[in-house]
Every structure is written in structure tokens, then in C-alpha cells.
Amino acid sequence: MHKDLNAAPLNPLPVAVWLLALPIAAMELLSSVGATGLLSDPAAIGWRLEAVGRLGFRPAAMREMIATGYYPWRELLRLVSYPLVHASFTHALMAVVILLALGKMVGEVFRTWAMVLVFLGSAVVGALAYMLVPGLSTPLIGAYPAVYGLIGAFTFLLWVNLAAKGANQYRAFSLIGLLLGIQLLFGLLFGGGYEWVADLAGFATGFVLSFVVSPGGWARVKAKLRRR
């Protein structure tokens, strides 16, 4: 058995994964370095809070925009900018790890534009679902709703694969069930907000969008409907 000595030590990641992961990692690097207080700029300690204020999604502001019919572009931009900001290094690290793992599997099947669309579309719908929680004013930050969209896309791929094998398609939803169960447990033990609403909406968005943007997705849906 011969080994390819020129092979890369790690499997290359799809371009879409780098496009999505690098901005998140760069933002967290700046926030974490600033928080150390080692930089000459005293304001660097507050970079994370400043980023939350500038990029975080504000549900109360969005409700006011809808009520008045006035939509400033800076506020609309928050629908896709909030995934860049995280509460801590660990918060960002977990999001990036999931993004790299699932992004690789989804990105090997989806085109670059399709994967980016799933990620951003899930972020937007997740934020809007979060806004619908009555009286909620806490800013939404973190890439998790968008990452859950990739989990939805991965679930779609499992769902299609199980259908092709004639197996139980509901097994495809075991991953999201496990993650939501863990999230619920942590919420009960340590307390938590309503971010899970955005996460669940992001998952549903990623799953539904996959029917349209995956290779042969829409044709597959029509074929399935004809068989019924």
C-alpha cells in the first residue's frame, strides 16, 4: 500500500466554509485580544461590548421599524451581522467548531452560493423569530442560528440518503433532537434566554431552503410528490 506523500495532512475545506468561518474567527480574535488589556489603546477592553452595540440584532428596534414602516439600512444589516459577535471566546469557539465540521459535509454537496445562502437566510429568519418573542429586548448575538441552519441542511442530506435506502427518514432528525435536548438541559441548570427560538427557526430555515438550493433539490421534491 503506497501513501501519497504530497497529500495534504488535513482534508481541504470548501471555500464557503472559509468565507463564513474566517470573519467570525477574526472578530473573536480582536475582541479577545482587546479584553486582555495588553494593547496600548485603553478602549480596546470594551471592543466586545462595542461590537455587540454596533452589530448585534436588536429585537425592539426591529419591532419599531415594522410599526413605523421605516427601515434604516444600518438596522437591517444587523440581521446578518450579529453572527459575527459572541459573548466569549468559548461561545465563539463552539460555533466555529460546528461550522467547520458540518460546513465541510454540507459544502462538499452544496455549491458555494447555496451554502452561504443557507447560512445567511437562517440567520435572518432566526433573528425575526427571536423578535416575535413578546417583550424581548436583549440583543441577539452569535452564529448559532446560522449554524443551526447548516445543521438543517445536513439533516436534509441525511433525510434524502435514508429515503434512497428505504430506511426510516425520521432518524435524520436525531442530531437536532440531541442538540436541543442538551440546550434545554443547560438552560434548566444554568439559566438561559430565548436564543433557542432563533436556533430552532434557523434549523427549520436551513432544512426547507435545502429543498430548493441543493443540487437537484427542487426536482427531487417534485418527484417525491408525484410518487404519492
Protein backbone atom coordinates (compact mmCIF):
# COMPACT_ATOMS: atom_id res chain seq x y z
CA MET A 1 0.00 0.00 0.00
CA HIS A 2 1.51 3.30 -1.11
CA LYS A 3 0.87 6.62 0.54
CA ASP A 4 0.68 9.88 -1.36
CA LEU A 5 3.48 11.90 0.19
CA ASN A 6 2.18 15.04 -1.48
CA ALA A 7 -1.29 14.75 0.02
CA ALA A 8 -2.41 17.48 2.40
CA PRO A 9 -2.26 16.47 6.11
CA LEU A 10 -5.83 17.73 6.55
CA ASN A 11 -8.77 17.37 4.22
CA PRO A 12 -9.30 20.72 2.49
CA LEU A 13 -12.38 22.66 3.49
CA PRO A 14 -14.82 24.02 0.90
CA VAL A 15 -14.41 27.69 0.01
CA ALA A 16 -17.80 28.53 1.54
CA VAL A 17 -16.63 27.31 4.95
CA TRP A 18 -13.66 29.68 4.90
CA LEU A 19 -15.86 32.56 3.73
CA LEU A 20 -18.14 32.04 6.73
CA ALA A 21 -15.67 30.99 9.44
CA LEU A 22 -12.82 33.47 8.94
CA PRO A 23 -14.81 36.68 9.67
CA ILE A 24 -16.17 35.10 12.87
CA ALA A 25 -12.70 34.00 13.96
CA ALA A 26 -11.21 37.41 13.13
CA MET A 27 -13.87 39.26 15.12
CA GLU A 28 -13.37 36.99 18.12
CA LEU A 29 -9.59 37.38 17.91
CA LEU A 30 -9.91 41.16 18.02
CA SER A 31 -12.40 41.03 20.91
CA SER A 32 -10.32 38.58 22.94
CA VAL A 33 -7.03 40.41 22.41
CA GLY A 34 -8.67 43.71 23.29
CA ALA A 35 -10.07 42.24 26.50
CA THR A 36 -6.58 41.31 27.74
CA GLY A 37 -5.74 44.97 28.25
CA LEU A 38 -2.32 44.47 26.68
CA LEU A 39 -2.94 46.86 23.81
CA SER A 40 -1.94 50.50 24.05
CA ASP A 41 -5.48 51.62 23.26
CA PRO A 42 -7.48 51.75 26.55
CA ALA A 43 -10.72 51.48 24.59
CA ALA A 44 -9.70 48.01 23.38
CA ILE A 45 -11.03 46.44 26.59
CA GLY A 46 -14.54 47.42 25.53
CA TRP A 47 -14.30 46.23 21.92
CA ARG A 48 -16.60 43.27 22.53
CA LEU A 49 -19.34 45.42 24.06
CA GLU A 50 -18.91 47.95 21.29
CA ALA A 51 -19.27 45.17 18.70
CA VAL A 52 -22.47 43.99 20.38
CA GLY A 53 -23.82 47.53 20.22
CA ARG A 54 -22.86 48.02 16.59
CA LEU A 55 -23.59 44.57 15.14
CA GLY A 56 -25.98 42.76 17.49
CA PHE A 57 -29.59 42.29 16.42
CA ARG A 58 -31.99 44.47 18.43
CA PRO A 59 -35.49 42.94 18.51
CA ALA A 60 -37.13 46.06 19.97
CA ALA A 61 -35.67 48.22 17.19
CA MET A 62 -36.94 45.80 14.54
CA ARG A 63 -40.44 45.83 16.04
CA GLU A 64 -40.38 49.63 15.95
CA MET A 65 -39.23 49.58 12.32
CA ILE A 66 -42.13 47.34 11.37
CA ALA A 67 -44.59 49.54 13.26
CA THR A 68 -43.39 52.74 11.59
CA GLY A 69 -42.60 51.32 8.17
CA TYR A 70 -39.16 52.95 8.26
CA TYR A 71 -36.22 50.58 7.67
CA PRO A 72 -32.76 52.17 8.05
CA TRP A 73 -30.17 50.06 6.27
CA ARG A 74 -27.87 50.06 9.31
CA GLU A 75 -30.56 48.32 11.34
CA LEU A 76 -31.39 45.88 8.54
CA LEU A 77 -27.71 44.99 8.31
CA ARG A 78 -27.90 43.65 11.86
CA LEU A 79 -29.96 40.73 10.53
CA VAL A 80 -26.78 39.29 9.03
CA SER A 81 -24.06 40.96 11.14
CA TYR A 82 -25.00 39.57 14.57
CA PRO A 83 -23.44 36.12 13.86
CA LEU A 84 -20.03 37.81 13.90
CA VAL A 85 -20.22 38.76 17.60
CA HIS A 86 -20.07 36.34 20.53
CA ALA A 87 -20.32 36.64 24.27
CA SER A 88 -16.98 34.95 24.97
CA PHE A 89 -14.13 33.02 23.39
CA THR A 90 -15.79 29.71 24.28
CA HIS A 91 -19.08 30.87 22.82
CA ALA A 92 -17.34 31.67 19.52
CA LEU A 93 -15.14 28.57 19.57
CA MET A 94 -18.09 26.17 19.75
CA ALA A 95 -19.85 27.96 16.91
CA VAL A 96 -16.76 27.81 14.70
CA VAL A 97 -16.12 24.14 15.51
CA ILE A 98 -19.67 23.19 14.49
CA LEU A 99 -19.41 25.41 11.41
CA LEU A 100 -16.18 23.73 10.31
CA ALA A 101 -17.48 20.20 10.92
CA LEU A 102 -20.93 20.49 9.37
CA GLY A 103 -19.82 23.09 6.84
CA LYS A 104 -17.38 20.61 5.37
CA MET A 105 -20.05 17.93 4.94
CA VAL A 106 -22.65 20.32 3.55
CA GLY A 107 -20.14 22.26 1.45
CA GLU A 108 -18.99 19.09 -0.32
CA VAL A 109 -22.51 18.71 -1.73
CA PHE A 110 -23.85 22.27 -1.92
CA ARG A 111 -22.46 24.94 -4.20
CA THR A 112 -20.69 27.86 -2.51
CA TRP A 113 -23.55 30.31 -3.12
CA ALA A 114 -26.10 27.79 -1.84
CA MET A 115 -24.27 27.20 1.43
CA VAL A 116 -23.78 30.93 2.01
CA LEU A 117 -27.48 31.48 1.27
CA VAL A 118 -28.49 28.81 3.80
CA PHE A 119 -26.21 30.36 6.43
CA LEU A 120 -27.39 33.95 5.93
CA GLY A 121 -31.02 33.02 5.34
CA SER A 122 -31.09 31.04 8.57
CA ALA A 123 -29.52 34.00 10.41
CA VAL A 124 -32.24 36.35 9.10
CA VAL A 125 -35.19 34.07 9.86
CA GLY A 126 -33.71 33.17 13.25
CA ALA A 127 -33.47 36.85 14.18
CA LEU A 128 -37.03 37.56 13.04
CA ALA A 129 -38.33 34.60 15.05
CA TYR A 130 -36.41 35.89 18.08
CA MET A 131 -38.06 39.29 17.58
CA LEU A 132 -41.52 37.69 17.84
CA VAL A 133 -40.98 36.75 21.50
CA PRO A 134 -43.20 39.28 23.32
CA GLY A 135 -41.40 41.96 25.33
CA LEU A 136 -37.92 40.66 24.48
CA SER A 137 -35.28 43.40 24.24
CA THR A 138 -31.98 41.54 24.83
CA PRO A 139 -29.76 41.77 21.72
CA LEU A 140 -29.22 38.57 19.79
CA ILE A 141 -25.59 37.70 19.08
CA GLY A 142 -23.69 34.63 17.96
CA ALA A 143 -23.56 32.46 14.86
CA TYR A 144 -25.72 29.70 16.32
CA PRO A 145 -28.99 30.40 14.42
CA ALA A 146 -26.98 30.39 11.17
CA VAL A 147 -25.01 27.31 12.21
CA TYR A 148 -28.27 25.57 13.09
CA GLY A 149 -29.27 26.34 9.51
CA LEU A 150 -26.30 24.24 8.38
CA ILE A 151 -27.48 21.52 10.76
CA GLY A 152 -30.82 21.74 8.95
CA ALA A 153 -29.03 21.35 5.59
CA PHE A 154 -27.06 18.38 6.94
CA THR A 155 -30.31 16.86 8.22
CA PHE A 156 -31.76 17.28 4.73
CA LEU A 157 -28.83 15.34 3.25
CA LEU A 158 -29.32 12.56 5.80
CA TRP A 159 -33.06 12.57 5.13
CA VAL A 160 -32.51 12.15 1.38
CA ASN A 161 -29.92 9.42 1.92
CA LEU A 162 -32.20 7.46 4.24
CA ALA A 163 -35.07 7.82 1.78
CA ALA A 164 -32.89 6.45 -1.01
CA LYS A 165 -32.09 3.41 1.14
CA GLY A 166 -35.72 2.90 2.16
CA ALA A 167 -34.80 3.47 5.82
CA ASN A 168 -36.70 5.43 8.47
CA GLN A 169 -36.25 9.09 7.47
CA TYR A 170 -37.06 10.36 10.97
CA ARG A 171 -33.63 9.13 12.07
CA ALA A 172 -32.22 12.15 10.24
CA PHE A 173 -33.60 14.40 12.97
CA SER A 174 -31.72 12.67 15.79
CA LEU A 175 -28.90 15.27 15.73
CA ILE A 176 -31.17 18.29 16.15
CA GLY A 177 -33.10 16.43 18.83
CA LEU A 178 -29.89 15.75 20.74
CA LEU A 179 -28.67 19.35 20.44
CA LEU A 180 -31.96 20.84 21.56
CA GLY A 181 -32.08 18.39 24.46
CA ILE A 182 -28.60 19.46 25.59
CA GLN A 183 -29.57 23.11 25.17
CA LEU A 184 -32.69 22.61 27.27
CA LEU A 185 -30.70 20.84 29.98
CA PHE A 186 -28.13 23.65 30.16
CA GLY A 187 -30.94 26.19 30.26
CA LEU A 188 -32.53 24.43 33.22
CA LEU A 189 -29.23 24.07 35.07
CA PHE A 190 -27.63 27.44 34.39
CA GLY A 191 -30.47 29.60 33.15
CA GLY A 192 -30.83 30.95 29.66
CA GLY A 193 -32.78 33.24 27.40
CA TYR A 194 -34.81 32.71 24.28
CA GLU A 195 -31.92 32.17 21.88
CA TRP A 196 -33.24 28.66 21.31
CA VAL A 197 -36.16 30.20 19.41
CA ALA A 198 -33.71 31.67 16.89
CA ASP A 199 -31.75 28.42 16.76
CA LEU A 200 -34.83 26.32 16.04
CA ALA A 201 -36.02 28.78 13.39
CA GLY A 202 -32.55 28.71 11.83
CA PHE A 203 -32.64 24.91 11.68
CA ALA A 204 -36.06 24.89 10.03
CA THR A 205 -34.92 27.50 7.52
CA GLY A 206 -31.81 25.54 6.58
CA PHE A 207 -33.82 22.35 6.14
CA VAL A 208 -36.51 24.00 3.97
CA LEU A 209 -34.05 26.02 1.87
CA SER A 210 -32.15 22.83 1.08
CA PHE A 211 -35.11 21.57 -0.92
CA VAL A 212 -34.54 24.48 -3.30
CA VAL A 213 -30.79 25.18 -3.31
CA SER A 214 -29.32 21.68 -3.06
CA PRO A 215 -28.25 20.02 -6.34
CA GLY A 216 -31.42 18.59 -7.87
CA GLY A 217 -33.35 19.64 -4.77
CA TRP A 218 -36.49 21.02 -6.39
CA ALA A 219 -36.64 18.18 -8.93
CA ARG A 220 -36.36 15.72 -6.06
CA VAL A 221 -39.30 17.35 -4.28
CA LYS A 222 -41.48 17.19 -7.41
CA ALA A 223 -40.55 13.55 -7.99
CA LYS A 224 -41.48 12.71 -4.40
CA LEU A 225 -44.84 14.47 -4.77
CA ARG A 226 -45.61 12.58 -7.99
CA ARG A 227 -44.99 9.24 -6.26
CA ARG A 228 -47.71 9.93 -3.70
